[in-house]
């Protein structure tokens, strides 16, 4: 049991590295790297789009590759690649090369997260998967918290490269520890042996196709698209809304973001624990309701301390959302290989929704001259997610076998 808990903690640490360091650290260091390397905001926009594309492509790669090499191997390799990329960034002054590395880092976030459904299904008891995935999904907030500690120490002195060195070495140590623990736990093998896969190849593909067109699977993909469509622009335009339209200062805006990060450190674990007791659908109702209320605050009462309340509500929803979906898939899918396929495509849908949401929100804000309409749409999407959750089948009771559930 202790070794299983160690696996979950290590998976959380790799999410902290690939998402927290690999995706969000660059955003915090942009001004310092701009001053040193001389790139403009057009470069930042290009890299942001490129990183999202890298995430989408690697999510599809993970769907194809995980059944062939095993989820454990995918995670270990992705952690090592992430560490190397982080360590190479401070060695370069070439902005194109740094852009390639940042795109690769975003890709490792996908190739770490998608196979986790396979590993969690193998090491965590059925009844505790909501808790496990809730903790793992909060890993991003821990990475962002570490960034927030390191950046003020090094960046003001022009030592932004030192931040990359520290997180790179930390990630390398994490990847090495994951390798040792996974090897001892027998998690580096394939879920299905090559011989078994060969003998069942004729029936596997038709079975896969029939599973992937089931109504609950299509619902999950639709929900992931809408999650990306709503939650990504909520954050993307938050600072702009607070500072340029609502007139809040930098310090207050920083407080809003600090609340989001702090609450997120505990939200995934708390909602995950709750989901194991009330059911995953009930937890989904809660988090989508929080998204609706947070967005409505920015439409109806975006003044005084209300944006801080909205930050608490949004963070309570945002980090657990990304754990509830894979936990649900792991409980309802007919096998761990099927769960990986479903969740991998769900990640692609989520990224696509995020890209469209960010683009559409920008167009709407430009056309209307206000971000209030953006948050009104986000609130409406949250209501739609609640409706779709009502249509999801219940997960099987705890007594069911660990990997199987009736759909």
Protein backbone atom coordinates (compact mmCIF):
# COMPACT_ATOMS: atom_id res chain seq x y z
CA UNK A 1 0.00 0.00 0.00
CA UNK A 2 2.85 2.37 0.84
CA UNK A 3 4.50 1.71 -2.51
CA UNK A 4 1.23 2.52 -4.28
CA UNK A 5 0.99 5.80 -2.37
CA UNK A 6 4.59 6.55 -3.38
CA UNK A 7 3.67 5.99 -7.04
CA UNK A 8 0.80 8.49 -6.78
CA UNK A 9 3.05 11.08 -5.09
CA UNK A 10 5.71 10.62 -7.78
CA UNK A 11 3.13 10.98 -10.54
CA UNK A 12 2.03 14.22 -8.87
CA UNK A 13 5.64 15.43 -8.87
CA UNK A 14 6.00 14.74 -12.60
CA UNK A 15 2.80 16.68 -13.32
CA UNK A 16 4.29 19.51 -11.25
CA UNK A 17 7.39 19.34 -13.47
CA UNK A 18 5.85 18.93 -16.91
CA UNK A 19 2.96 21.33 -16.41
CA UNK A 20 4.22 23.66 -13.65
CA UNK A 21 7.81 23.98 -14.91
CA UNK A 22 7.42 22.95 -18.54
CA UNK A 23 4.40 25.10 -19.43
CA UNK A 24 3.94 27.83 -16.82
CA UNK A 25 7.50 28.83 -15.85
CA UNK A 26 8.15 30.52 -19.19
CA UNK A 27 5.13 32.79 -18.65
CA UNK A 28 6.58 33.99 -15.34
CA UNK A 29 10.04 34.59 -16.83
CA UNK A 30 8.96 36.30 -20.08
CA UNK A 31 10.00 39.86 -19.05
CA UNK A 32 13.42 38.71 -17.84
CA UNK A 33 14.09 36.52 -20.87
CA UNK A 34 12.90 39.31 -23.19
CA UNK A 35 15.38 41.73 -21.65
CA UNK A 36 18.19 39.23 -22.08
CA UNK A 37 17.38 37.66 -25.45
CA UNK A 38 15.55 40.53 -27.15
CA UNK A 39 12.43 38.78 -28.46
CA UNK A 40 9.03 40.45 -28.77
CA UNK A 41 5.48 39.56 -27.83
CA UNK A 42 4.85 38.13 -31.29
CA UNK A 43 7.42 35.47 -30.42
CA UNK A 44 5.59 34.79 -27.15
CA UNK A 45 2.31 34.36 -29.02
CA UNK A 46 3.92 32.05 -31.57
CA UNK A 47 5.49 29.91 -28.86
CA UNK A 48 2.21 29.70 -26.94
CA UNK A 49 0.44 28.42 -30.05
CA UNK A 50 3.30 26.08 -30.89
CA UNK A 51 3.30 24.64 -27.37
CA UNK A 52 -0.44 23.95 -27.59
CA UNK A 53 0.11 22.19 -30.92
CA UNK A 54 2.91 20.16 -29.36
CA UNK A 55 0.59 19.11 -26.56
CA UNK A 56 -2.11 17.99 -29.02
CA UNK A 57 0.30 16.01 -31.20
CA UNK A 58 1.92 14.30 -28.22
CA UNK A 59 -1.47 13.45 -26.73
CA UNK A 60 -2.24 11.55 -29.95
CA UNK A 61 1.23 10.00 -29.86
CA UNK A 62 0.60 8.81 -26.29
CA UNK A 63 -2.66 7.13 -27.34
CA UNK A 64 -0.84 5.16 -30.03
CA UNK A 65 2.38 4.43 -28.16
CA UNK A 66 1.24 3.64 -24.59
CA UNK A 67 -0.34 0.23 -25.41
CA UNK A 68 2.84 -0.72 -27.28
CA UNK A 69 5.48 0.23 -24.69
CA UNK A 70 3.44 0.47 -21.47
CA UNK A 71 2.29 3.45 -19.45
CA UNK A 72 5.16 3.19 -16.97
CA UNK A 73 7.84 3.40 -19.65
CA UNK A 74 6.07 6.32 -21.32
CA UNK A 75 5.97 8.25 -18.06
CA UNK A 76 9.61 7.58 -17.14
CA UNK A 77 10.84 8.50 -20.63
CA UNK A 78 8.72 11.64 -20.70
CA UNK A 79 10.04 12.74 -17.31
CA UNK A 80 13.62 12.29 -18.51
CA UNK A 81 12.97 14.23 -21.74
CA UNK A 82 11.33 17.01 -19.71
CA UNK A 83 14.38 17.24 -17.42
CA UNK A 84 16.82 17.41 -20.34
CA UNK A 85 14.78 20.09 -22.12
CA UNK A 86 14.60 22.20 -18.95
CA UNK A 87 18.38 21.95 -18.55
CA UNK A 88 19.06 22.87 -22.19
CA UNK A 89 17.07 26.13 -22.11
CA UNK A 90 19.59 28.08 -19.96
CA UNK A 91 22.44 26.87 -22.19
CA UNK A 92 21.06 28.56 -25.30
CA UNK A 93 20.74 32.11 -26.60
CA UNK A 94 18.96 30.99 -29.76
CA UNK A 95 15.29 31.93 -29.51
CA UNK A 96 14.25 29.40 -32.17
CA UNK A 97 15.94 26.55 -30.29
CA UNK A 98 14.37 27.69 -27.02
CA UNK A 99 10.99 27.74 -28.77
CA UNK A 100 11.50 24.14 -29.91
CA UNK A 101 12.39 23.12 -26.35
CA UNK A 102 9.30 24.85 -24.94
CA UNK A 103 7.13 23.06 -27.49
CA UNK A 104 8.77 19.76 -26.52
CA UNK A 105 8.10 20.52 -22.85
CA UNK A 106 4.41 21.03 -23.55
CA UNK A 107 4.43 17.69 -25.36
CA UNK A 108 5.89 15.90 -22.34
CA UNK A 109 2.95 17.19 -20.28
CA UNK A 110 0.66 15.16 -22.53
CA UNK A 111 2.87 12.06 -22.67
CA UNK A 112 3.09 12.02 -18.86
CA UNK A 113 -0.58 12.67 -18.15
CA UNK A 114 -2.29 10.40 -20.70
CA UNK A 115 -0.55 7.13 -19.60
CA UNK A 116 -1.34 7.87 -15.95
CA UNK A 117 -4.81 6.37 -16.43
CA UNK A 118 -3.11 3.04 -17.15
CA UNK A 119 -0.75 3.25 -14.17
CA UNK A 120 -3.39 4.48 -11.71
CA UNK A 121 -5.68 1.61 -12.75
CA UNK A 122 -2.88 -0.85 -12.00
CA UNK A 123 -1.76 0.44 -8.60
CA UNK A 124 -4.75 2.19 -6.99
CA UNK A 125 -7.78 0.36 -5.63
CA UNK A 126 -11.02 1.10 -7.47
CA UNK A 127 -12.61 3.03 -4.62
CA UNK A 128 -9.65 5.41 -4.20
CA UNK A 129 -9.07 6.43 -7.81
CA UNK A 130 -10.89 9.74 -7.44
CA UNK A 131 -8.60 10.70 -4.57
CA UNK A 132 -5.49 9.58 -6.46
CA UNK A 133 -6.32 11.42 -9.67
CA UNK A 134 -7.40 14.46 -7.65
CA UNK A 135 -3.97 14.66 -6.07
CA UNK A 136 -2.20 14.07 -9.38
CA UNK A 137 -4.24 16.77 -11.12
CA UNK A 138 -3.20 19.27 -8.42
CA UNK A 139 0.45 18.71 -9.30
CA UNK A 140 0.42 21.75 -11.58
CA UNK A 141 -0.32 24.05 -8.64
CA UNK A 142 2.70 22.70 -6.72
CA UNK A 143 4.93 23.37 -9.71
CA UNK A 144 3.58 26.90 -10.06
CA UNK A 145 4.14 27.45 -6.33
CA UNK A 146 7.79 26.41 -6.69
CA UNK A 147 8.11 28.79 -9.64
CA UNK A 148 6.70 31.60 -7.54
CA UNK A 149 9.34 30.96 -4.88
CA UNK A 150 12.28 30.76 -7.29
CA UNK A 151 11.49 33.60 -9.72
CA UNK A 152 11.61 36.44 -7.12
CA UNK A 153 14.93 35.11 -5.82
CA UNK A 154 16.81 34.90 -9.13
CA UNK A 155 15.00 36.97 -11.78
CA UNK A 156 15.51 40.46 -10.26
CA UNK A 157 19.28 39.92 -10.42
CA UNK A 158 19.07 38.92 -14.08
CA UNK A 159 19.74 35.27 -13.21
CA UNK A 160 16.70 33.78 -14.95
CA UNK A 161 18.87 30.94 -16.23
CA UNK A 162 19.39 29.79 -12.63
CA UNK A 163 15.66 29.16 -12.30
CA UNK A 164 15.74 26.78 -15.26
CA UNK A 165 18.80 25.05 -13.80
CA UNK A 166 17.13 24.48 -10.44
CA UNK A 167 13.87 23.08 -11.84
CA UNK A 168 15.77 21.02 -14.42
CA UNK A 169 17.93 19.34 -11.78
CA UNK A 170 14.88 18.84 -9.57
CA UNK A 171 13.01 17.18 -12.45
CA UNK A 172 16.00 14.98 -13.25
CA UNK A 173 16.01 13.75 -9.65
CA UNK A 174 12.24 13.10 -9.85
CA UNK A 175 12.60 11.13 -13.08
CA UNK A 176 15.39 9.00 -11.60
CA UNK A 177 13.30 8.27 -8.50
CA UNK A 178 10.28 7.39 -10.64
CA UNK A 179 12.46 4.96 -12.63
CA UNK A 180 13.62 3.21 -9.45
CA UNK A 181 10.14 2.98 -7.90
CA UNK A 182 8.46 1.88 -11.13
CA UNK A 183 11.11 -0.77 -11.73
CA UNK A 184 10.70 -2.19 -8.22
CA UNK A 185 6.92 -2.10 -8.58
CA UNK A 186 6.92 -3.91 -11.92
CA UNK A 187 5.38 -0.94 -13.72
CA UNK A 188 7.81 -0.78 -16.63
CA UNK A 189 6.26 -3.66 -18.54
CA UNK A 190 3.41 -3.61 -21.02
CA UNK A 191 -0.14 -3.93 -19.76
CA UNK A 192 -0.71 -6.57 -22.43
CA UNK A 193 2.10 -8.92 -23.46
CA UNK A 194 3.21 -8.87 -27.12
CA UNK A 195 2.20 -12.50 -27.58
CA UNK A 196 -1.26 -11.87 -26.18
CA UNK A 197 -1.62 -8.74 -28.27
CA UNK A 198 -0.70 -10.69 -31.41
CA UNK A 199 -3.25 -13.42 -30.80
CA UNK A 200 -6.06 -10.94 -30.15
CA UNK A 201 -5.20 -8.38 -32.83
CA UNK A 202 -8.04 -9.50 -35.10
CA UNK A 203 -10.71 -8.79 -32.48
CA UNK A 204 -9.01 -5.87 -30.72
CA UNK A 205 -9.57 -3.27 -33.43
CA UNK A 206 -13.32 -3.93 -33.94
CA UNK A 207 -13.73 -3.98 -30.14
CA UNK A 208 -11.87 -0.68 -29.85
CA UNK A 209 -14.04 0.94 -32.50
CA UNK A 210 -17.25 -0.26 -30.89
CA UNK A 211 -16.15 1.01 -27.48
CA UNK A 212 -15.11 4.43 -28.79
CA UNK A 213 -18.51 5.18 -30.32
CA UNK A 214 -20.48 4.44 -27.16
CA UNK A 215 -22.61 7.41 -26.02
CA UNK A 216 -20.78 7.93 -22.72
CA UNK A 217 -17.43 8.14 -24.54
CA UNK A 218 -18.75 10.77 -26.93
CA UNK A 219 -20.12 12.65 -23.93
CA UNK A 220 -16.70 12.60 -22.23
CA UNK A 221 -15.01 13.96 -25.35
CA UNK A 222 -17.64 16.69 -25.69
CA UNK A 223 -17.20 17.61 -22.03
CA UNK A 224 -13.41 17.79 -22.36
CA UNK A 225 -13.77 20.10 -25.36
CA UNK A 226 -16.10 22.37 -23.37
CA UNK A 227 -13.80 22.28 -20.31
CA UNK A 228 -10.92 23.59 -22.42
CA UNK A 229 -13.24 26.07 -24.17
CA UNK A 230 -14.33 27.58 -20.83
CA UNK A 231 -11.44 27.28 -18.37
CA UNK A 232 -8.52 28.27 -20.61
CA UNK A 233 -9.88 31.72 -21.62
CA UNK A 234 -11.05 32.27 -18.02
CA UNK A 235 -7.36 32.41 -17.06
CA UNK A 236 -5.97 33.82 -20.29
CA UNK A 237 -7.96 37.05 -20.06
CA UNK A 238 -8.26 37.33 -16.28
CA UNK A 239 -5.40 39.79 -15.74
CA UNK A 240 -6.44 41.89 -18.73
CA UNK A 241 -10.02 42.09 -17.44
CA UNK A 242 -8.98 42.97 -13.89
CA UNK A 243 -6.36 45.59 -14.79
CA UNK A 244 -7.42 47.21 -18.06
CA UNK A 245 -11.21 47.13 -17.77
CA UNK A 246 -12.01 46.89 -14.06
CA UNK A 247 -9.16 49.14 -12.94
CA UNK A 248 -7.54 46.91 -10.30
CA UNK A 249 -3.83 47.40 -9.67
CA UNK A 250 -1.01 44.92 -10.14
CA UNK A 251 -0.91 43.97 -6.45
CA UNK A 252 -4.60 43.09 -6.29
CA UNK A 253 -4.36 41.08 -9.51
CA UNK A 254 -1.38 39.22 -8.04
CA UNK A 255 -3.49 38.44 -4.97
CA UNK A 256 -6.21 36.94 -7.18
CA UNK A 257 -3.66 34.68 -8.86
CA UNK A 258 -2.10 33.77 -5.52
CA UNK A 259 -5.52 32.67 -4.26
CA UNK A 260 -6.00 30.52 -7.37
CA UNK A 261 -2.62 28.86 -6.82
CA UNK A 262 -2.99 28.37 -3.07
CA UNK A 263 -6.51 26.92 -3.20
CA UNK A 264 -5.46 24.69 -6.10
CA UNK A 265 -2.82 23.03 -3.92
CA UNK A 266 -5.59 21.46 -1.83
CA UNK A 267 -8.63 21.48 -4.11
CA UNK A 268 -7.69 18.41 -6.15
CA UNK A 269 -7.08 16.30 -3.07
CA UNK A 270 -10.25 17.50 -1.33
CA UNK A 271 -12.56 17.05 -4.32
CA UNK A 272 -10.94 13.72 -5.14
CA UNK A 273 -11.58 12.51 -1.59
CA UNK A 274 -15.16 13.72 -1.86
CA UNK A 275 -15.68 12.00 -5.21
CA UNK A 276 -14.75 8.62 -3.74
CA UNK A 277 -17.56 9.04 -1.22
CA UNK A 278 -20.30 10.77 -3.19
CA UNK A 279 -19.51 9.47 -6.68
CA UNK A 280 -17.67 11.16 -9.51
CA UNK A 281 -20.79 12.60 -11.11
CA UNK A 282 -21.70 14.44 -7.89
CA UNK A 283 -18.18 15.87 -7.73
CA UNK A 284 -18.51 17.00 -11.36
CA UNK A 285 -21.74 18.81 -10.51
CA UNK A 286 -19.90 20.64 -7.75
CA UNK A 287 -16.92 21.77 -9.82
CA UNK A 288 -18.97 22.83 -12.84
CA UNK A 289 -21.27 24.74 -10.50
CA UNK A 290 -18.19 26.54 -9.14
CA UNK A 291 -17.18 27.51 -12.69
CA UNK A 292 -20.66 28.93 -13.30
CA UNK A 293 -20.64 30.98 -10.09
CA UNK A 294 -17.07 32.23 -10.59
CA UNK A 295 -17.84 33.42 -14.12
CA UNK A 296 -21.11 35.03 -13.04
CA UNK A 297 -19.29 37.08 -10.39
CA UNK A 298 -17.18 38.63 -13.15
CA UNK A 299 -20.37 39.45 -15.05
CA UNK A 300 -22.65 40.69 -12.25
CA UNK A 301 -20.44 41.90 -9.38
CA UNK A 302 -16.77 42.25 -10.41
CA UNK A 303 -15.88 44.73 -7.65
CA UNK A 304 -14.53 44.87 -4.11
CA UNK A 305 -13.50 41.48 -2.76
CA UNK A 306 -15.76 39.53 -5.12
CA UNK A 307 -12.96 38.74 -7.62
CA UNK A 308 -11.14 36.98 -4.76
CA UNK A 309 -14.27 34.95 -4.08
CA UNK A 310 -14.40 34.11 -7.80
CA UNK A 311 -10.75 33.03 -7.61
CA UNK A 312 -11.55 30.60 -4.78
CA UNK A 313 -14.49 29.16 -6.71
CA UNK A 314 -12.56 28.83 -9.97
CA UNK A 315 -9.55 27.19 -8.35
CA UNK A 316 -11.83 24.78 -6.46
CA UNK A 317 -13.07 23.67 -9.87
CA UNK A 318 -10.10 24.03 -12.21
CA UNK A 319 -7.53 21.66 -10.73
CA UNK A 320 -9.94 18.84 -9.76
CA UNK A 321 -11.59 18.91 -13.21
CA UNK A 322 -8.54 17.32 -14.77
CA UNK A 323 -8.56 14.48 -12.26
CA UNK A 324 -12.27 13.69 -12.23
CA UNK A 325 -12.49 12.88 -15.94
CA UNK A 326 -9.62 10.32 -16.01
CA UNK A 327 -10.86 8.81 -12.73
CA UNK A 328 -14.30 8.36 -14.29
CA UNK A 329 -12.83 6.87 -17.47
CA UNK A 330 -10.70 4.41 -15.48
CA UNK A 331 -13.81 3.19 -13.66
CA UNK A 332 -16.15 2.89 -16.62
CA UNK A 333 -13.85 1.78 -19.47
CA UNK A 334 -13.72 -1.95 -20.14
CA UNK A 335 -9.92 -2.12 -19.84
CA UNK A 336 -6.93 0.07 -18.99
CA UNK A 337 -5.87 0.09 -22.66
CA UNK A 338 -9.32 1.35 -23.60
CA UNK A 339 -9.12 3.98 -20.86
CA UNK A 340 -5.82 5.28 -22.26
CA UNK A 341 -7.32 5.57 -25.75
CA UNK A 342 -10.43 7.38 -24.50
CA UNK A 343 -8.51 9.73 -22.23
CA UNK A 344 -5.84 10.45 -24.84
CA UNK A 345 -8.44 11.61 -27.34
CA UNK A 346 -10.14 13.54 -24.52
CA UNK A 347 -6.90 15.49 -24.04
CA UNK A 348 -6.83 16.33 -27.74
CA UNK A 349 -10.42 17.57 -27.50
CA UNK A 350 -9.55 19.61 -24.42
CA UNK A 351 -6.61 21.28 -26.14
CA UNK A 352 -8.70 21.98 -29.24
CA UNK A 353 -11.41 23.51 -27.08
CA UNK A 354 -8.84 25.67 -25.33
CA UNK A 355 -7.42 26.97 -28.62
CA UNK A 356 -10.88 27.78 -29.99
CA UNK A 357 -11.98 29.28 -26.68
CA UNK A 358 -8.99 31.60 -26.44
CA UNK A 359 -9.38 32.71 -30.05
CA UNK A 360 -13.14 33.19 -29.80
CA UNK A 361 -12.90 35.06 -26.51
CA UNK A 362 -10.40 37.48 -28.02
CA UNK A 363 -12.71 38.14 -30.97
CA UNK A 364 -15.70 38.65 -28.68
CA UNK A 365 -13.83 41.05 -26.43
CA UNK A 366 -12.60 43.07 -29.41
CA UNK A 367 -16.08 43.22 -30.92
CA UNK A 368 -17.93 44.10 -27.70
CA UNK A 369 -15.23 46.19 -26.06
CA UNK A 370 -15.64 44.28 -22.80
CA UNK A 371 -14.63 40.97 -21.27
CA UNK A 372 -17.97 40.65 -19.47
CA UNK A 373 -19.45 38.84 -22.46
CA UNK A 374 -16.58 36.34 -22.38
CA UNK A 375 -17.33 35.40 -18.79
CA UNK A 376 -21.06 35.24 -19.54
CA UNK A 377 -20.34 32.65 -22.24
CA UNK A 378 -18.09 30.72 -19.83
CA UNK A 379 -20.93 30.63 -17.30
CA UNK A 380 -23.27 29.29 -19.98
CA UNK A 381 -20.77 26.57 -20.92
CA UNK A 382 -20.59 25.59 -17.24
CA UNK A 383 -24.36 25.11 -17.20
CA UNK A 384 -24.09 22.96 -20.34
CA UNK A 385 -21.45 20.80 -18.62
CA UNK A 386 -23.82 20.22 -15.73
CA UNK A 387 -26.52 19.10 -18.17
CA UNK A 388 -24.12 16.72 -19.94
CA UNK A 389 -23.02 15.27 -16.59
CA UNK A 390 -26.64 14.31 -15.92
CA UNK A 391 -26.49 12.11 -19.01
CA UNK A 392 -23.34 10.23 -17.94
CA UNK A 393 -23.91 6.68 -16.67
CA UNK A 394 -23.04 6.08 -13.03
CA UNK A 395 -19.73 4.40 -12.34
CA UNK A 396 -19.92 0.82 -11.07
CA UNK A 397 -20.16 0.20 -7.29
CA UNK A 398 -16.98 -0.17 -5.26
CA UNK A 399 -17.44 -3.92 -5.17
CA UNK A 400 -16.94 -4.14 -8.92
CA UNK A 401 -13.65 -5.43 -10.24
CA UNK A 402 -10.96 -2.79 -10.41
CA UNK A 403 -10.84 -2.25 -14.12
CA UNK A 404 -14.37 -3.01 -15.24
CA UNK A 405 -17.69 -1.25 -15.09
CA UNK A 406 -20.89 -1.45 -17.00
CA UNK A 407 -21.55 1.38 -19.33
